[in-house]
Amino acid sequence: MKEELLLEYLKTVCPGRKRAQTSIRLEGKIQISGDGLRSLVNKLRRRGEPIASGPCGYFYALNAGEIYSTIQRLKKMILGLEAAVRGLEKALEKFGWAETSAEVQRDDGGDASG
């Protein structure tokens, strides 16, 4: 229900980069937490909805360029997260761990979340 509410809000109030709204504003409008908002945006994007984002917030993309910019930002985030994972895996050596994070997940019951 909130997923559709967010989608409709972005389509009508936030069409295009110039009408982007911050996460905090959207959280208030939809009555959801920051994590909840990011989860809804992720679900909508997975469905193929053109939900874009930038430094000014989230918006409903009006053209391919707006989507492409968001894709580039997300890819940059992925690279940063992968680097962080590699660093943490290296840090495991300080604790005598030589396994990969997948092996650590199995060893601790599957909850290797941050």
N, C-alpha and C. Protein backbone atom coordinates (compact mmCIF):
# COMPACT_ATOMS: atom_id res chain seq x y z
N MET A 1 0.82 -1.19 0.00
CA MET A 1 0.00 0.00 0.00
C MET A 1 0.87 1.26 0.00
N LYS A 2 1.87 1.30 0.89
CA LYS A 2 2.76 2.47 0.93
C LYS A 2 3.59 2.55 -0.34
N GLU A 3 3.87 1.37 -0.92
CA GLU A 3 4.62 1.32 -2.17
C GLU A 3 3.89 2.10 -3.26
N GLU A 4 2.58 1.84 -3.39
CA GLU A 4 1.78 2.52 -4.40
C GLU A 4 1.59 4.00 -4.06
N LEU A 5 1.49 4.31 -2.79
CA LEU A 5 1.37 5.69 -2.34
C LEU A 5 2.62 6.47 -2.72
N LEU A 6 3.78 5.88 -2.47
CA LEU A 6 5.05 6.52 -2.82
C LEU A 6 5.15 6.72 -4.33
N LEU A 7 4.82 5.69 -5.08
CA LEU A 7 4.90 5.78 -6.54
C LEU A 7 4.00 6.91 -7.06
N GLU A 8 2.78 6.95 -6.59
CA GLU A 8 1.85 7.99 -7.04
C GLU A 8 2.34 9.37 -6.65
N TYR A 9 2.89 9.50 -5.44
CA TYR A 9 3.41 10.79 -4.98
C TYR A 9 4.57 11.24 -5.87
N LEU A 10 5.49 10.34 -6.15
CA LEU A 10 6.64 10.70 -6.99
C LEU A 10 6.19 11.07 -8.40
N LYS A 11 5.23 10.34 -8.95
CA LYS A 11 4.74 10.63 -10.31
C LYS A 11 4.08 12.01 -10.39
N THR A 12 3.31 12.35 -9.37
CA THR A 12 2.53 13.59 -9.45
C THR A 12 3.24 14.81 -8.89
N VAL A 13 4.01 14.63 -7.83
CA VAL A 13 4.64 15.77 -7.17
C VAL A 13 6.11 15.93 -7.55
N CYS A 14 6.76 14.84 -7.92
CA CYS A 14 8.21 14.86 -8.14
C CYS A 14 8.62 14.39 -9.54
N PRO A 15 7.95 14.87 -10.58
CA PRO A 15 8.39 14.45 -11.91
C PRO A 15 9.64 15.21 -12.34
N GLY A 16 10.70 14.51 -12.60
CA GLY A 16 11.94 15.13 -13.05
C GLY A 16 12.85 15.60 -11.94
N ARG A 17 14.13 15.67 -12.27
CA ARG A 17 15.19 16.04 -11.33
C ARG A 17 14.92 17.38 -10.64
N LYS A 18 14.36 18.34 -11.37
CA LYS A 18 14.13 19.67 -10.79
C LYS A 18 13.09 19.66 -9.67
N ARG A 19 12.30 18.59 -9.58
CA ARG A 19 11.27 18.51 -8.54
C ARG A 19 11.58 17.42 -7.51
N ALA A 20 12.84 17.03 -7.43
CA ALA A 20 13.25 15.99 -6.48
C ALA A 20 12.92 16.43 -5.06
N GLN A 21 12.61 15.44 -4.23
CA GLN A 21 12.33 15.72 -2.82
C GLN A 21 13.27 14.89 -1.96
N THR A 22 13.70 15.49 -0.86
CA THR A 22 14.63 14.82 0.03
C THR A 22 13.97 13.61 0.69
N SER A 23 14.82 12.72 1.15
CA SER A 23 14.37 11.53 1.85
C SER A 23 13.53 11.93 3.07
N ILE A 24 13.99 12.90 3.81
CA ILE A 24 13.28 13.32 5.03
C ILE A 24 11.87 13.81 4.70
N ARG A 25 11.74 14.57 3.64
CA ARG A 25 10.42 15.07 3.25
C ARG A 25 9.51 13.91 2.83
N LEU A 26 10.05 12.98 2.04
CA LEU A 26 9.25 11.83 1.60
C LEU A 26 8.86 10.95 2.78
N GLU A 27 9.78 10.78 3.72
CA GLU A 27 9.48 9.98 4.92
C GLU A 27 8.27 10.57 5.65
N GLY A 28 8.23 11.88 5.76
CA GLY A 28 7.12 12.54 6.42
C GLY A 28 5.82 12.41 5.64
N LYS A 29 5.89 12.56 4.34
CA LYS A 29 4.70 12.48 3.49
C LYS A 29 4.10 11.08 3.49
N ILE A 30 4.97 10.07 3.46
CA ILE A 30 4.51 8.67 3.38
C ILE A 30 4.37 8.05 4.77
N GLN A 31 4.87 8.74 5.79
CA GLN A 31 4.85 8.23 7.16
C GLN A 31 5.61 6.90 7.26
N ILE A 32 6.91 6.98 6.94
CA ILE A 32 7.76 5.80 6.91
C ILE A 32 9.16 6.20 7.36
N SER A 33 9.93 5.23 7.83
CA SER A 33 11.31 5.50 8.25
C SER A 33 12.22 5.63 7.02
N GLY A 34 13.42 6.09 7.26
CA GLY A 34 14.40 6.19 6.18
C GLY A 34 14.70 4.84 5.56
N ASP A 35 14.90 3.82 6.41
CA ASP A 35 15.14 2.46 5.89
C ASP A 35 13.94 1.96 5.11
N GLY A 36 12.75 2.25 5.61
CA GLY A 36 11.53 1.83 4.92
C GLY A 36 11.41 2.48 3.56
N LEU A 37 11.76 3.77 3.48
CA LEU A 37 11.71 4.48 2.20
C LEU A 37 12.68 3.86 1.21
N ARG A 38 13.91 3.62 1.65
CA ARG A 38 14.90 3.02 0.75
C ARG A 38 14.45 1.64 0.28
N SER A 39 13.81 0.89 1.16
CA SER A 39 13.30 -0.42 0.79
C SER A 39 12.19 -0.30 -0.27
N LEU A 40 11.29 0.66 -0.09
CA LEU A 40 10.22 0.86 -1.08
C LEU A 40 10.78 1.30 -2.43
N VAL A 41 11.75 2.22 -2.39
CA VAL A 41 12.37 2.68 -3.64
C VAL A 41 13.02 1.50 -4.35
N ASN A 42 13.71 0.64 -3.59
CA ASN A 42 14.35 -0.53 -4.16
C ASN A 42 13.32 -1.45 -4.82
N LYS A 43 12.20 -1.69 -4.14
CA LYS A 43 11.14 -2.55 -4.69
C LYS A 43 10.58 -1.96 -5.98
N LEU A 44 10.33 -0.65 -5.96
CA LEU A 44 9.79 -0.01 -7.16
C LEU A 44 10.77 -0.09 -8.32
N ARG A 45 12.03 0.14 -8.05
CA ARG A 45 13.05 0.04 -9.11
C ARG A 45 13.13 -1.38 -9.65
N ARG A 46 13.05 -2.36 -8.78
CA ARG A 46 13.09 -3.76 -9.23
C ARG A 46 11.90 -4.10 -10.12
N ARG A 47 10.79 -3.43 -9.88
CA ARG A 47 9.59 -3.61 -10.71
C ARG A 47 9.73 -2.92 -12.06
N GLY A 48 10.76 -2.10 -12.20
CA GLY A 48 10.97 -1.38 -13.45
C GLY A 48 10.45 0.04 -13.45
N GLU A 49 10.08 0.54 -12.29
CA GLU A 49 9.61 1.94 -12.20
C GLU A 49 10.84 2.85 -12.26
N PRO A 50 10.74 3.95 -13.00
CA PRO A 50 11.89 4.85 -13.17
C PRO A 50 12.08 5.82 -12.01
N ILE A 51 12.36 5.25 -10.84
CA ILE A 51 12.59 6.09 -9.67
C ILE A 51 14.08 6.44 -9.65
N ALA A 52 14.35 7.70 -9.82
CA ALA A 52 15.72 8.17 -9.88
C ALA A 52 16.06 8.93 -8.59
N SER A 53 17.33 9.20 -8.43
CA SER A 53 17.77 9.96 -7.26
C SER A 53 19.04 10.71 -7.59
N GLY A 54 19.29 11.71 -6.77
CA GLY A 54 20.48 12.52 -6.93
C GLY A 54 20.75 13.23 -5.62
N PRO A 55 21.68 14.15 -5.60
CA PRO A 55 22.02 14.86 -4.37
C PRO A 55 20.82 15.59 -3.74
N CYS A 56 19.83 15.94 -4.55
CA CYS A 56 18.67 16.67 -4.04
C CYS A 56 17.53 15.77 -3.59
N GLY A 57 17.64 14.48 -3.83
CA GLY A 57 16.60 13.57 -3.38
C GLY A 57 16.11 12.62 -4.46
N TYR A 58 14.89 12.12 -4.22
CA TYR A 58 14.26 11.16 -5.13
C TYR A 58 13.29 11.86 -6.05
N PHE A 59 13.11 11.27 -7.26
CA PHE A 59 12.16 11.82 -8.21
C PHE A 59 11.78 10.76 -9.23
N TYR A 60 10.69 11.01 -9.93
CA TYR A 60 10.22 10.12 -10.99
C TYR A 60 10.89 10.59 -12.28
N ALA A 61 11.74 9.75 -12.84
CA ALA A 61 12.53 10.13 -14.02
C ALA A 61 11.63 10.43 -15.22
N LEU A 62 11.99 11.47 -15.94
CA LEU A 62 11.24 11.86 -17.13
C LEU A 62 11.96 11.50 -18.43
N ASN A 63 13.24 11.10 -18.31
CA ASN A 63 13.98 10.76 -19.52
C ASN A 63 15.10 9.77 -19.20
N ALA A 64 15.68 9.22 -20.23
CA ALA A 64 16.73 8.21 -20.06
C ALA A 64 17.96 8.77 -19.35
N GLY A 65 18.26 10.04 -19.56
CA GLY A 65 19.42 10.65 -18.92
C GLY A 65 19.31 10.66 -17.41
N GLU A 66 18.10 10.91 -16.91
CA GLU A 66 17.91 10.91 -15.46
C GLU A 66 18.08 9.51 -14.88
N ILE A 67 17.61 8.53 -15.62
CA ILE A 67 17.79 7.14 -15.17
C ILE A 67 19.26 6.76 -15.24
N TYR A 68 19.92 7.11 -16.33
CA TYR A 68 21.33 6.77 -16.50
C TYR A 68 22.19 7.37 -15.39
N SER A 69 21.91 8.61 -15.01
CA SER A 69 22.68 9.24 -13.92
C SER A 69 22.52 8.46 -12.62
N THR A 70 21.29 8.00 -12.36
CA THR A 70 21.04 7.22 -11.15
C THR A 70 21.77 5.89 -11.22
N ILE A 71 21.75 5.25 -12.37
CA ILE A 71 22.47 3.98 -12.54
C ILE A 71 23.96 4.18 -12.26
N GLN A 72 24.53 5.25 -12.77
CA GLN A 72 25.95 5.51 -12.55
C GLN A 72 26.25 5.73 -11.07
N ARG A 73 25.39 6.46 -10.37
CA ARG A 73 25.58 6.67 -8.93
C ARG A 73 25.50 5.36 -8.17
N LEU A 74 24.53 4.50 -8.54
CA LEU A 74 24.37 3.21 -7.87
C LEU A 74 25.59 2.32 -8.11
N LYS A 75 26.11 2.33 -9.33
CA LYS A 75 27.30 1.52 -9.63
C LYS A 75 28.50 2.00 -8.81
N LYS A 76 28.60 3.30 -8.63
CA LYS A 76 29.69 3.85 -7.82
C LYS A 76 29.54 3.40 -6.36
N MET A 77 28.30 3.37 -5.88
CA MET A 77 28.04 2.89 -4.52
C MET A 77 28.42 1.42 -4.38
N ILE A 78 28.11 0.63 -5.40
CA ILE A 78 28.45 -0.79 -5.37
C ILE A 78 29.96 -0.96 -5.23
N LEU A 79 30.72 -0.20 -6.00
CA LEU A 79 32.18 -0.29 -5.92
C LEU A 79 32.67 0.06 -4.52
N GLY A 80 32.08 1.09 -3.93
CA GLY A 80 32.46 1.47 -2.58
C GLY A 80 32.11 0.39 -1.56
N LEU A 81 30.95 -0.22 -1.71
CA LEU A 81 30.56 -1.30 -0.79
C LEU A 81 31.46 -2.52 -0.96
N GLU A 82 31.80 -2.85 -2.20
CA GLU A 82 32.71 -3.98 -2.43
C GLU A 82 34.07 -3.72 -1.79
N ALA A 83 34.56 -2.49 -1.89
CA ALA A 83 35.84 -2.14 -1.27
C ALA A 83 35.75 -2.26 0.25
N ALA A 84 34.62 -1.84 0.81
CA ALA A 84 34.43 -1.94 2.26
C ALA A 84 34.40 -3.41 2.70
N VAL A 85 33.74 -4.26 1.91
CA VAL A 85 33.69 -5.70 2.23
C VAL A 85 35.10 -6.28 2.20
N ARG A 86 35.87 -5.94 1.16
CA ARG A 86 37.24 -6.45 1.07
C ARG A 86 38.07 -6.01 2.28
N GLY A 87 37.90 -4.76 2.67
CA GLY A 87 38.63 -4.25 3.84
C GLY A 87 38.24 -4.98 5.11
N LEU A 88 36.96 -5.23 5.28
CA LEU A 88 36.51 -5.95 6.48
C LEU A 88 36.96 -7.41 6.46
N GLU A 89 36.97 -8.02 5.27
CA GLU A 89 37.49 -9.38 5.18
C GLU A 89 38.97 -9.42 5.56
N LYS A 90 39.71 -8.39 5.14
CA LYS A 90 41.11 -8.30 5.53
C LYS A 90 41.24 -8.11 7.04
N ALA A 91 40.33 -7.33 7.62
CA ALA A 91 40.34 -7.09 9.06
C ALA A 91 40.09 -8.38 9.84
N LEU A 92 39.39 -9.32 9.24
CA LEU A 92 39.14 -10.60 9.91
C LEU A 92 40.45 -11.31 10.27
N GLU A 93 41.50 -11.05 9.49
CA GLU A 93 42.80 -11.67 9.75
C GLU A 93 43.31 -11.30 11.15
N LYS A 94 42.94 -10.12 11.61
CA LYS A 94 43.36 -9.69 12.94
C LYS A 94 42.72 -10.53 14.04
N PHE A 95 41.64 -11.20 13.68
CA PHE A 95 40.93 -12.04 14.63
C PHE A 95 41.19 -13.53 14.38
N GLY A 96 42.16 -13.79 13.50
CA GLY A 96 42.52 -15.18 13.20
C GLY A 96 41.61 -15.85 12.19
N TRP A 97 40.78 -15.08 11.50
CA TRP A 97 39.88 -15.64 10.49
C TRP A 97 40.56 -15.60 9.13
N ALA A 98 40.48 -16.69 8.42
CA ALA A 98 41.02 -16.73 7.07
C ALA A 98 39.92 -17.02 6.06
N GLU A 99 38.71 -17.34 6.54
CA GLU A 99 37.59 -17.67 5.65
C GLU A 99 37.04 -16.43 4.97
N THR A 100 36.26 -16.68 3.92
CA THR A 100 35.57 -15.59 3.25
C THR A 100 34.33 -15.24 4.04
N SER A 101 33.70 -14.14 3.71
CA SER A 101 32.50 -13.72 4.43
C SER A 101 31.39 -14.75 4.31
N ALA A 102 31.31 -15.49 3.20
CA ALA A 102 30.28 -16.52 3.05
C ALA A 102 30.50 -17.63 4.07
N GLU A 103 31.78 -17.99 4.31
CA GLU A 103 32.07 -19.03 5.29
C GLU A 103 31.78 -18.54 6.70
N VAL A 104 32.04 -17.26 6.96
CA VAL A 104 31.76 -16.69 8.27
C VAL A 104 30.26 -16.71 8.51
N GLN A 105 29.46 -16.38 7.48
CA GLN A 105 28.01 -16.41 7.60
C GLN A 105 27.52 -17.78 8.05
N ARG A 106 28.06 -18.82 7.43
CA ARG A 106 27.64 -20.18 7.80
C ARG A 106 28.04 -20.50 9.24
N ASP A 107 29.22 -20.04 9.65
CA ASP A 107 29.70 -20.34 10.98
C ASP A 107 28.92 -19.67 12.09
N ASP A 108 28.39 -18.48 11.82
CA ASP A 108 27.70 -17.77 12.90
C ASP A 108 26.18 -17.83 12.79
N GLY A 109 25.68 -18.79 12.07
CA GLY A 109 24.24 -18.95 11.97
C GLY A 109 23.61 -18.15 10.87
N GLY A 110 24.41 -17.57 9.98
CA GLY A 110 23.87 -16.88 8.83
C GLY A 110 23.61 -15.40 9.02
N ASP A 111 23.97 -14.85 10.16
CA ASP A 111 23.74 -13.42 10.35
C ASP A 111 25.07 -12.69 10.42
N ALA A 112 25.59 -12.37 9.25
CA ALA A 112 26.84 -11.61 9.19
C ALA A 112 26.55 -10.18 8.78
N SER A 113 25.40 -9.65 9.20
CA SER A 113 25.02 -8.30 8.82
C SER A 113 25.83 -7.27 9.62
N GLY A 114 25.87 -6.05 9.02
CA GLY A 114 26.67 -5.00 9.59
C GLY A 114 26.02 -4.31 10.70
